[in-house]
Amino acid sequence: MSLKVVKFGGSSLADAQHFRQVAEIIKSDPDRRYVVPSAPGKRFSDDTKVTDLFYTLFELVRSRASSDVIDAHYEKIKERYNSIISELGLNFDLSGEYEYIKNAILHNSGRDFAASRGEYLNGLILAKYIGFDFIDAENVIYFRENGTFDEDKTNDILSLELKEHKYAVIPGFYGIAPNGTIVTFSRGGSDITGSIVARAAEADLYENWTDVSGFLMADPRIISKPQPIDTITYRELRELSYMGATVLHEDAIFPVRYAGIPINIRNTNRPEDKGTMIVSQASSYDSEHVITGVAGKKGFSVITIEKDMMNSEIGFGRKVLECLEDNDISFEHLPSGIDTMSVVVSTAQFEAHKERVLQAITRRTKPDSISIEDGLALVAVVGRGMVKAKGTAARVFSAISNAGVNIRMIDQGSCELNIIVGVEEHDFNTALNAIYNEFVK
């Protein structure tokens, strides 16, 4: 008997009908033993996610809104859960939980506590509905005093706890700090919890159920009807997630990658679809497409430094990067020549420190010239098959050129897993379409 950990996103648990779908999926496979739920998401386009309702409740309390306003808002939260319970026909009273949560928020329990209650309450209801044990995440997910996740302590304690439960629900998104306060992961952190549980359970598979049938080769808001990705490696996923692909929280990769556990992205509304498999290694690739996907982001600036004999000046690059480090600015890429060095940074991060950084670089490196260009977009072409396919880079550059787009920057990783191209922001969509159409017939 294999073991699967399954995580369901907020769109998969938005209302009673979705609860029924989720229960049917879980019960259809006895290997699905540990379930990680998110808080209820939107039921329709103008609806509000329950987590956002809890954030608003916290802000109302912090701003000292009237008790009538606070009570009226909290009733909306209670109604979301009560309607699910009622429509599922459950004999389940959460009035004591509601009262405790409200009092805790009124008495400064913290923003993270408020945000986490969406998952907590949803976990209680789901466990009751499917007949699984309930394991509160605050008893098994641990953070350090500085707010970082304590993976070793969590894995040790969670592993022991899971052995006591053949089937269980563990709410996502939160854990506990040494001082007893609730701490949450970043938004979308239920993906991380699912990955943590999969590692601790030594699962054979981590299924992440959402509202899409896996990854697509490109952003459907830019590319018309992009094709799905059947299999993708962790490294490819990291590259695409970093460049804007958002199906799975990128931090959720690491616990299962460390343990060598594959992830299967599935669609709750179309459980018959096989979705996308995320694996450690894949020897095969689609020889027809070559690339796995294409993604990108806007909002970058390029600092270009020119100086004769730069390549023979020991420590030159270190001095430049220290100027960024001193201002808490990270760099994205470093495309360079013999007498030139370019540093790509996030415009939003760089803007407030621009003059200070330029002065520091000028003072420490004494360049012949230094300039900044804003409005750069980065496009990443990713694929494990690129290393085996001759002429891939030429096809990328030709496609962009034939579309009338000027390439401002080229950066290829040493692993040959990706090619990153910089273009003007106004050419971003054109470049993405040109590359996709070149490789996907």
Protein backbone atom coordinates (compact mmCIF):
# COMPACT_ATOMS: atom_id res chain seq x y z
CA MET A 1 0.00 0.00 0.00
CA SER A 2 1.42 3.35 -1.05
CA LEU A 3 0.88 6.59 0.85
CA LYS A 4 -0.33 9.88 -0.58
CA VAL A 5 -0.57 13.31 1.00
CA VAL A 6 -3.20 15.52 -0.63
CA LYS A 7 -3.55 19.28 -0.36
CA PHE A 8 -6.66 21.16 -1.47
CA GLY A 9 -6.58 24.87 -2.24
CA GLY A 10 -9.17 27.45 -1.31
CA SER A 11 -10.98 27.24 -4.64
CA SER A 12 -11.38 23.50 -4.02
CA LEU A 13 -13.07 24.10 -0.66
CA ALA A 14 -15.03 27.28 -1.31
CA ASP A 15 -18.47 25.84 -0.51
CA ALA A 16 -20.38 22.68 0.35
CA GLN A 17 -20.51 21.44 -3.23
CA HIS A 18 -16.73 21.62 -3.45
CA PHE A 19 -16.46 19.82 -0.10
CA ARG A 20 -18.45 16.97 -1.63
CA GLN A 21 -16.12 16.85 -4.62
CA VAL A 22 -13.09 16.81 -2.34
CA ALA A 23 -14.57 14.06 -0.15
CA GLU A 24 -15.28 11.93 -3.23
CA ILE A 25 -11.70 12.37 -4.45
CA ILE A 26 -10.24 11.43 -1.06
CA LYS A 27 -12.50 8.44 -0.54
CA SER A 28 -11.90 7.11 -4.06
CA ASP A 29 -8.34 6.18 -3.13
CA PRO A 30 -7.51 4.69 0.30
CA ASP A 31 -3.88 5.66 -0.25
CA ARG A 32 -4.89 9.31 0.27
CA ARG A 33 -4.29 9.27 3.98
CA TYR A 34 -3.26 12.77 5.03
CA VAL A 35 -5.16 15.84 3.89
CA VAL A 36 -4.03 19.48 4.08
CA PRO A 37 -6.83 22.03 3.46
CA SER A 38 -6.69 25.75 2.76
CA ALA A 39 -9.30 28.25 3.93
CA PRO A 40 -12.42 28.66 1.75
CA GLY A 41 -11.67 30.67 -1.38
CA LYS A 42 -13.97 32.65 -3.64
CA ARG A 43 -17.29 31.09 -4.59
CA PHE A 44 -17.75 33.56 -7.47
CA SER A 45 -15.72 36.39 -9.01
CA ASP A 46 -16.92 39.16 -6.66
CA ASP A 47 -16.70 37.01 -3.55
CA THR A 48 -14.09 37.44 -0.80
CA LYS A 49 -11.70 34.75 0.39
CA VAL A 50 -12.16 33.82 4.04
CA THR A 51 -8.50 34.61 4.78
CA ASP A 52 -9.10 38.15 3.53
CA LEU A 53 -12.19 38.38 5.74
CA PHE A 54 -10.03 37.47 8.73
CA TYR A 55 -7.38 40.03 7.74
CA THR A 56 -10.09 42.69 7.59
CA LEU A 57 -11.42 41.60 10.98
CA PHE A 58 -7.96 42.04 12.47
CA GLU A 59 -7.65 45.53 10.95
CA LEU A 60 -11.08 46.51 12.29
CA VAL A 61 -10.05 45.46 15.78
CA ARG A 62 -6.69 47.21 15.51
CA SER A 63 -8.32 50.44 14.31
CA ARG A 64 -10.75 50.30 17.23
CA ALA A 65 -13.87 50.03 15.12
CA SER A 66 -17.16 49.88 16.97
CA SER A 67 -18.30 46.56 18.39
CA ASP A 68 -21.32 46.66 16.05
CA VAL A 69 -19.06 46.91 12.99
CA ILE A 70 -16.77 44.14 14.27
CA ASP A 71 -19.69 41.88 15.14
CA ALA A 72 -21.33 42.41 11.75
CA HIS A 73 -18.12 41.52 9.94
CA TYR A 74 -17.52 38.45 12.07
CA GLU A 75 -21.03 37.23 11.29
CA LYS A 76 -20.01 37.09 7.61
CA ILE A 77 -17.15 34.74 8.51
CA LYS A 78 -19.36 32.56 10.67
CA GLU A 79 -21.98 32.40 7.95
CA ARG A 80 -19.46 31.06 5.44
CA TYR A 81 -18.67 28.12 7.68
CA ASN A 82 -22.19 27.61 8.98
CA SER A 83 -23.56 27.43 5.45
CA ILE A 84 -21.03 24.72 4.57
CA ILE A 85 -21.91 22.75 7.70
CA SER A 86 -25.65 23.12 7.08
CA GLU A 87 -25.53 22.20 3.39
CA LEU A 88 -23.39 19.15 4.15
CA GLY A 89 -25.98 18.01 6.70
CA LEU A 90 -23.42 17.84 9.49
CA ASN A 91 -24.34 17.83 13.15
CA PHE A 92 -21.40 20.02 14.10
CA ASP A 93 -21.45 23.03 16.40
CA LEU A 94 -18.54 25.49 16.12
CA SER A 95 -20.04 28.18 18.36
CA GLY A 96 -17.39 27.63 21.04
CA GLU A 97 -14.59 27.94 18.48
CA TYR A 98 -16.14 31.11 17.05
CA GLU A 99 -16.31 32.70 20.49
CA TYR A 100 -12.75 31.75 21.38
CA ILE A 101 -11.34 33.07 18.09
CA LYS A 102 -13.21 36.36 18.36
CA ASN A 103 -12.05 36.95 21.94
CA ALA A 104 -8.47 36.07 21.05
CA ILE A 105 -8.42 38.57 18.18
CA LEU A 106 -10.03 41.24 20.39
CA HIS A 107 -7.26 40.68 22.94
CA ASN A 108 -4.32 41.15 20.57
CA SER A 109 -3.58 37.57 19.54
CA GLY A 110 -1.88 38.90 16.40
CA ARG A 111 -2.40 39.17 12.67
CA ASP A 112 -1.01 35.71 11.95
CA PHE A 113 -3.41 34.12 14.42
CA ALA A 114 -6.35 35.82 12.73
CA ALA A 115 -5.19 34.76 9.27
CA SER A 116 -4.63 31.15 10.31
CA ARG A 117 -8.13 30.59 11.61
CA GLY A 118 -9.51 30.16 8.09
CA GLU A 119 -7.50 26.97 7.64
CA TYR A 120 -8.10 25.85 11.22
CA LEU A 121 -11.90 26.00 10.99
CA ASN A 122 -11.96 24.49 7.51
CA GLY A 123 -9.76 21.64 8.75
CA LEU A 124 -12.17 20.90 11.59
CA ILE A 125 -15.14 20.75 9.22
CA LEU A 126 -13.38 18.63 6.61
CA ALA A 127 -12.12 16.15 9.23
CA LYS A 128 -15.64 15.81 10.60
CA TYR A 129 -17.16 15.37 7.14
CA ILE A 130 -14.78 12.66 5.89
CA GLY A 131 -14.30 10.95 9.25
CA PHE A 132 -10.57 11.60 9.60
CA ASP A 133 -8.64 12.52 12.74
CA PHE A 134 -7.76 16.21 13.17
CA ILE A 135 -4.18 17.26 13.93
CA ASP A 136 -3.80 20.95 14.77
CA ALA A 137 -0.83 22.37 12.86
CA GLU A 138 0.25 24.36 15.92
CA ASN A 139 1.13 21.07 17.61
CA VAL A 140 3.38 19.79 14.82
CA ILE A 141 4.64 22.72 12.68
CA TYR A 142 7.38 24.78 14.35
CA PHE A 143 9.03 28.13 13.73
CA ARG A 144 12.17 29.55 15.33
CA GLU A 145 12.29 32.72 17.42
CA ASN A 146 13.38 34.73 14.38
CA GLY A 147 10.28 33.61 12.46
CA THR A 148 11.98 31.11 10.15
CA PHE A 149 10.63 27.60 9.72
CA ASP A 150 12.27 24.96 11.91
CA GLU A 151 12.34 22.05 9.48
CA ASP A 152 14.27 19.57 11.62
CA LYS A 153 12.13 19.89 14.76
CA THR A 154 8.96 19.84 12.66
CA ASN A 155 9.97 16.74 10.73
CA ASP A 156 10.89 14.83 13.89
CA ILE A 157 7.71 15.63 15.81
CA LEU A 158 5.33 15.50 12.86
CA SER A 159 6.69 12.11 11.76
CA LEU A 160 5.97 10.64 15.19
CA GLU A 161 2.50 12.19 15.33
CA LEU A 162 1.48 10.92 11.89
CA LYS A 163 2.37 7.38 12.90
CA GLU A 164 -0.40 7.62 15.50
CA HIS A 165 -3.05 8.40 12.86
CA LYS A 166 -3.80 6.25 9.83
CA TYR A 167 -5.97 9.02 8.34
CA ALA A 168 -5.82 12.67 9.36
CA VAL A 169 -6.48 16.27 8.36
CA ILE A 170 -3.75 18.84 9.11
CA PRO A 171 -4.69 22.47 8.30
CA GLY A 172 -2.21 24.35 6.16
CA PHE A 173 -0.54 27.77 6.34
CA TYR A 174 0.47 28.04 10.00
CA GLY A 175 2.52 26.71 12.89
CA ILE A 176 3.78 27.93 16.25
CA ALA A 177 6.74 29.91 17.59
CA PRO A 178 8.71 29.08 20.77
CA ASN A 179 6.74 31.73 22.72
CA GLY A 180 3.45 30.04 21.86
CA THR A 181 2.23 32.51 19.25
CA ILE A 182 0.84 31.44 15.90
CA VAL A 183 3.08 32.10 12.88
CA THR A 184 2.01 31.77 9.24
CA PHE A 185 3.93 31.03 6.09
CA SER A 186 3.73 33.59 3.28
CA ARG A 187 0.47 33.78 1.35
CA GLY A 188 -0.27 30.49 -0.34
CA GLY A 189 1.61 28.69 2.41
CA SER A 190 -0.75 25.71 2.55
CA ASP A 191 1.29 24.37 -0.37
CA ILE A 192 4.29 24.43 1.95
CA THR A 193 2.43 22.62 4.73
CA GLY A 194 1.40 19.90 2.31
CA SER A 195 4.99 19.43 1.24
CA ILE A 196 6.16 19.33 4.86
CA VAL A 197 3.56 16.68 5.72
CA ALA A 198 4.52 14.64 2.65
CA ARG A 199 8.15 14.61 3.74
CA ALA A 200 7.33 13.72 7.35
CA ALA A 201 4.98 10.93 6.24
CA GLU A 202 7.59 9.60 3.79
CA ALA A 203 4.85 9.73 1.20
CA ASP A 204 5.09 8.09 -2.19
CA LEU A 205 3.28 11.03 -3.79
CA TYR A 206 2.17 14.55 -2.89
CA GLU A 207 -1.02 15.53 -4.72
CA ASN A 208 -1.71 19.25 -4.87
CA TRP A 209 -5.32 19.81 -5.91
CA THR A 210 -6.33 23.21 -7.25
CA ASP A 211 -8.56 24.70 -9.98
CA VAL A 212 -6.26 24.03 -12.95
CA SER A 213 -5.15 20.78 -14.55
CA GLY A 214 -1.46 21.26 -13.89
CA PHE A 215 1.09 23.64 -15.33
CA LEU A 216 0.74 25.27 -18.71
CA MET A 217 3.66 26.00 -21.02
CA ALA A 218 2.94 29.73 -20.80
CA ASP A 219 0.70 32.31 -19.16
CA PRO A 220 -2.82 31.94 -20.68
CA ARG A 221 -3.37 35.68 -20.17
CA ILE A 222 -0.63 36.28 -22.75
CA ILE A 223 -0.56 33.12 -24.88
CA SER A 224 -3.83 31.85 -26.34
CA LYS A 225 -4.61 28.33 -25.10
CA PRO A 226 -1.09 27.23 -24.11
CA GLN A 227 -0.49 23.49 -23.97
CA PRO A 228 -0.24 21.66 -20.62
CA ILE A 229 3.02 20.27 -19.26
CA ASP A 230 2.88 16.52 -18.56
CA THR A 231 6.17 16.21 -16.66
CA ILE A 232 8.47 18.87 -15.25
CA THR A 233 11.55 18.60 -13.03
CA TYR A 234 12.00 20.47 -9.77
CA ARG A 235 14.75 22.57 -11.33
CA GLU A 236 12.58 23.56 -14.27
CA LEU A 237 9.73 24.38 -11.91
CA ARG A 238 11.98 26.63 -9.83
CA GLU A 239 13.03 28.54 -12.93
CA LEU A 240 9.47 29.02 -14.17
CA SER A 241 8.05 29.82 -10.72
CA TYR A 242 10.72 32.45 -10.15
CA MET A 243 9.82 34.04 -13.48
CA GLY A 244 6.14 34.30 -12.68
CA ALA A 245 4.46 30.88 -12.98
CA THR A 246 2.18 30.74 -9.93
CA VAL A 247 0.36 27.40 -9.81
CA LEU A 248 2.44 26.20 -6.86
CA HIS A 249 4.08 28.18 -4.05
CA GLU A 250 7.78 28.00 -4.96
CA ASP A 251 8.88 27.30 -1.36
CA ALA A 252 6.72 24.18 -1.39
CA ILE A 253 9.22 22.49 -3.66
CA PHE A 254 12.05 22.11 -1.18
CA PRO A 255 10.74 19.66 1.49
CA VAL A 256 9.60 17.10 -1.09
CA ARG A 257 12.58 17.69 -3.36
CA TYR A 258 14.83 16.98 -0.40
CA ALA A 259 13.02 13.69 0.16
CA GLY A 260 12.71 12.79 -3.52
CA ILE A 261 8.90 12.78 -3.43
CA PRO A 262 7.10 13.61 -6.70
CA ILE A 263 4.29 16.18 -6.81
CA ASN A 264 1.16 15.78 -8.90
CA ILE A 265 -0.76 18.99 -9.68
CA ARG A 266 -4.44 18.03 -10.14
CA ASN A 267 -7.75 19.75 -10.87
CA THR A 268 -10.51 19.27 -8.28
CA ASN A 269 -13.16 20.11 -10.89
CA ARG A 270 -11.66 17.66 -13.42
CA PRO A 271 -10.29 14.76 -11.34
CA GLU A 272 -10.05 12.62 -14.48
CA ASP A 273 -7.25 14.85 -15.83
CA LYS A 274 -3.81 13.46 -15.05
CA GLY A 275 -2.34 16.92 -14.38
CA THR A 276 1.36 17.67 -14.20
CA MET A 277 3.95 15.46 -12.53
CA ILE A 278 6.85 17.26 -10.84
CA VAL A 279 9.82 14.94 -10.43
CA SER A 280 13.44 15.02 -9.36
CA GLN A 281 14.77 13.84 -12.69
CA ALA A 282 13.33 13.04 -16.07
CA SER A 283 15.41 11.41 -18.78
CA SER A 284 12.85 11.97 -21.51
CA TYR A 285 11.75 15.22 -23.06
CA ASP A 286 9.35 16.30 -25.78
CA SER A 287 11.57 16.37 -28.87
CA GLU A 288 8.85 18.15 -30.80
CA HIS A 289 8.73 21.10 -28.40
CA VAL A 290 12.27 21.02 -26.89
CA ILE A 291 11.32 23.63 -24.29
CA THR A 292 9.27 22.88 -21.19
CA GLY A 293 7.86 26.38 -20.79
CA VAL A 294 8.35 30.10 -21.24
CA ALA A 295 7.66 32.74 -18.59
CA GLY A 296 8.76 36.22 -17.66
CA LYS A 297 8.46 39.31 -15.52
CA LYS A 298 8.54 43.05 -15.99
CA GLY A 299 10.00 45.74 -13.75
CA PHE A 300 13.79 45.51 -14.00
CA SER A 301 16.61 48.03 -14.29
CA VAL A 302 20.11 47.53 -15.69
CA ILE A 303 23.19 49.16 -14.18
CA THR A 304 25.94 49.20 -16.81
CA ILE A 305 29.52 49.91 -15.73
CA GLU A 306 32.33 50.41 -18.24
CA LYS A 307 36.03 50.53 -17.45
CA ASP A 308 39.10 49.69 -19.50
CA MET A 309 40.99 46.65 -18.22
CA MET A 310 38.19 45.78 -15.82
CA ASN A 311 38.89 42.09 -16.30
CA SER A 312 42.40 42.42 -14.83
CA GLU A 313 41.30 44.43 -11.79
CA ILE A 314 41.03 41.96 -8.92
CA GLY A 315 37.94 42.43 -6.77
CA PHE A 316 36.12 44.72 -9.20
CA GLY A 317 32.90 42.69 -9.29
CA ARG A 318 32.93 42.19 -5.53
CA LYS A 319 33.12 45.95 -4.97
CA VAL A 320 30.10 46.53 -7.22
CA LEU A 321 28.01 43.87 -5.51
CA GLU A 322 28.98 45.13 -2.05
CA CYS A 323 27.46 48.50 -2.98
CA LEU A 324 24.18 46.69 -3.59
CA GLU A 325 24.53 44.56 -0.47
CA ASP A 326 25.12 47.64 1.70
CA ASN A 327 21.70 48.90 0.58
CA ASP A 328 19.91 45.54 0.98
CA ILE A 329 19.47 45.10 -2.77
CA SER A 330 19.76 41.69 -4.42
CA PHE A 331 20.77 41.27 -8.04
CA GLU A 332 18.97 39.18 -10.62
CA HIS A 333 21.60 38.63 -13.31
CA LEU A 334 25.17 39.65 -14.16
CA PRO A 335 25.70 39.64 -17.94
CA SER A 336 29.24 40.98 -18.47
CA GLY A 337 32.00 41.56 -21.02
CA ILE A 338 35.75 42.14 -20.77
CA ASP A 339 35.45 45.86 -20.06
CA THR A 340 31.78 46.06 -19.10
CA MET A 341 29.69 44.73 -16.25
CA SER A 342 25.90 44.83 -16.19
CA VAL A 343 23.83 44.22 -13.08
CA VAL A 344 20.10 43.55 -13.43
CA VAL A 345 18.04 44.55 -10.38
CA SER A 346 14.39 44.93 -9.49
CA THR A 347 13.35 48.50 -10.23
CA ALA A 348 11.01 48.61 -7.25
CA GLN A 349 13.78 47.50 -4.90
CA PHE A 350 16.42 49.73 -6.47
CA GLU A 351 14.53 52.99 -7.02
CA ALA A 352 14.74 54.39 -3.48
CA HIS A 353 18.49 53.73 -3.27
CA LYS A 354 19.50 54.65 -6.82
CA GLU A 355 21.65 57.71 -6.16
CA ARG A 356 23.31 56.22 -3.11
CA VAL A 357 24.25 53.06 -5.01
CA LEU A 358 25.59 54.96 -8.03
CA GLN A 359 27.72 57.18 -5.84
CA ALA A 360 29.09 54.17 -3.98
CA ILE A 361 29.95 52.30 -7.19
CA THR A 362 31.62 55.40 -8.64
CA ARG A 363 33.64 56.00 -5.49
CA ARG A 364 34.79 52.41 -5.08
CA THR A 365 35.43 51.35 -8.69
CA LYS A 366 36.17 54.67 -10.50
CA PRO A 367 34.49 53.54 -13.76
CA ASP A 368 34.92 55.23 -17.14
CA SER A 369 31.14 55.45 -17.33
CA ILE A 370 28.08 54.22 -15.47
CA SER A 371 24.47 54.28 -16.63
CA ILE A 372 21.04 53.01 -15.69
CA GLU A 373 18.26 51.89 -18.00
CA ASP A 374 14.78 51.17 -16.67
CA GLY A 375 11.82 49.44 -18.31
CA LEU A 376 13.42 46.03 -18.86
CA ALA A 377 11.44 42.79 -18.95
CA LEU A 378 13.03 39.36 -18.59
CA VAL A 379 11.83 36.32 -20.53
CA ALA A 380 13.00 32.85 -19.46
CA VAL A 381 12.96 29.93 -21.88
CA VAL A 382 13.22 26.76 -19.77
CA GLY A 383 13.67 23.13 -20.73
CA ARG A 384 15.74 20.12 -19.81
CA GLY A 385 15.74 19.16 -23.49
CA MET A 386 17.57 22.31 -24.54
CA VAL A 387 20.97 20.81 -23.76
CA LYS A 388 20.30 17.96 -26.23
CA ALA A 389 18.73 20.01 -29.01
CA LYS A 390 21.13 21.81 -31.34
CA GLY A 391 20.34 25.38 -32.35
CA THR A 392 17.88 26.13 -29.55
CA ALA A 393 19.41 29.52 -28.74
CA ALA A 394 19.46 30.45 -32.42
CA ARG A 395 15.77 29.60 -32.70
CA VAL A 396 14.96 31.76 -29.66
CA PHE A 397 16.87 34.78 -30.95
CA SER A 398 15.57 34.41 -34.51
CA ALA A 399 11.96 34.17 -33.32
CA ILE A 400 12.32 37.35 -31.28
CA SER A 401 14.11 39.18 -34.10
CA ASN A 402 11.54 38.12 -36.70
CA ALA A 403 8.84 39.55 -34.44
CA GLY A 404 10.55 42.95 -34.62
CA VAL A 405 11.75 42.91 -31.02
CA ASN A 406 15.19 44.18 -30.04
CA ILE A 407 17.09 41.97 -27.59
CA ARG A 408 18.63 44.07 -24.83
CA MET A 409 20.31 41.32 -22.82
CA ILE A 410 21.16 37.62 -23.07
CA ASP A 411 22.05 35.38 -20.14
CA GLN A 412 22.32 31.59 -20.31
CA GLY A 413 22.83 29.50 -17.19
CA SER A 414 25.82 27.18 -16.99
CA CYS A 415 23.50 24.18 -16.69
CA GLU A 416 21.92 25.04 -20.07
CA LEU A 417 18.51 24.58 -18.48
CA ASN A 418 17.38 28.08 -19.39
CA ILE A 419 18.03 31.07 -21.62
CA ILE A 420 17.05 34.48 -20.26
CA VAL A 421 16.48 37.34 -22.65
CA GLY A 422 15.96 40.99 -21.73
CA VAL A 423 13.58 43.08 -23.86
CA GLU A 424 11.79 46.41 -23.53
CA GLU A 425 8.68 46.10 -21.39
CA HIS A 426 6.42 47.16 -24.26
CA ASP A 427 7.79 44.20 -26.28
CA PHE A 428 7.21 41.67 -23.49
CA ASN A 429 4.00 40.04 -24.79
CA THR A 430 5.28 40.01 -28.37
CA ALA A 431 8.49 38.26 -27.33
CA LEU A 432 6.64 35.61 -25.30
CA ASN A 433 4.29 34.85 -28.19
CA ALA A 434 7.15 34.69 -30.68
CA ILE A 435 9.11 32.17 -28.59
CA TYR A 436 6.07 30.02 -27.79
CA ASN A 437 4.96 29.87 -31.42
CA GLU A 438 8.49 28.94 -32.53
CA PHE A 439 8.64 25.86 -30.33
CA VAL A 440 4.98 24.80 -30.09
CA LYS A 441 3.44 23.98 -33.42
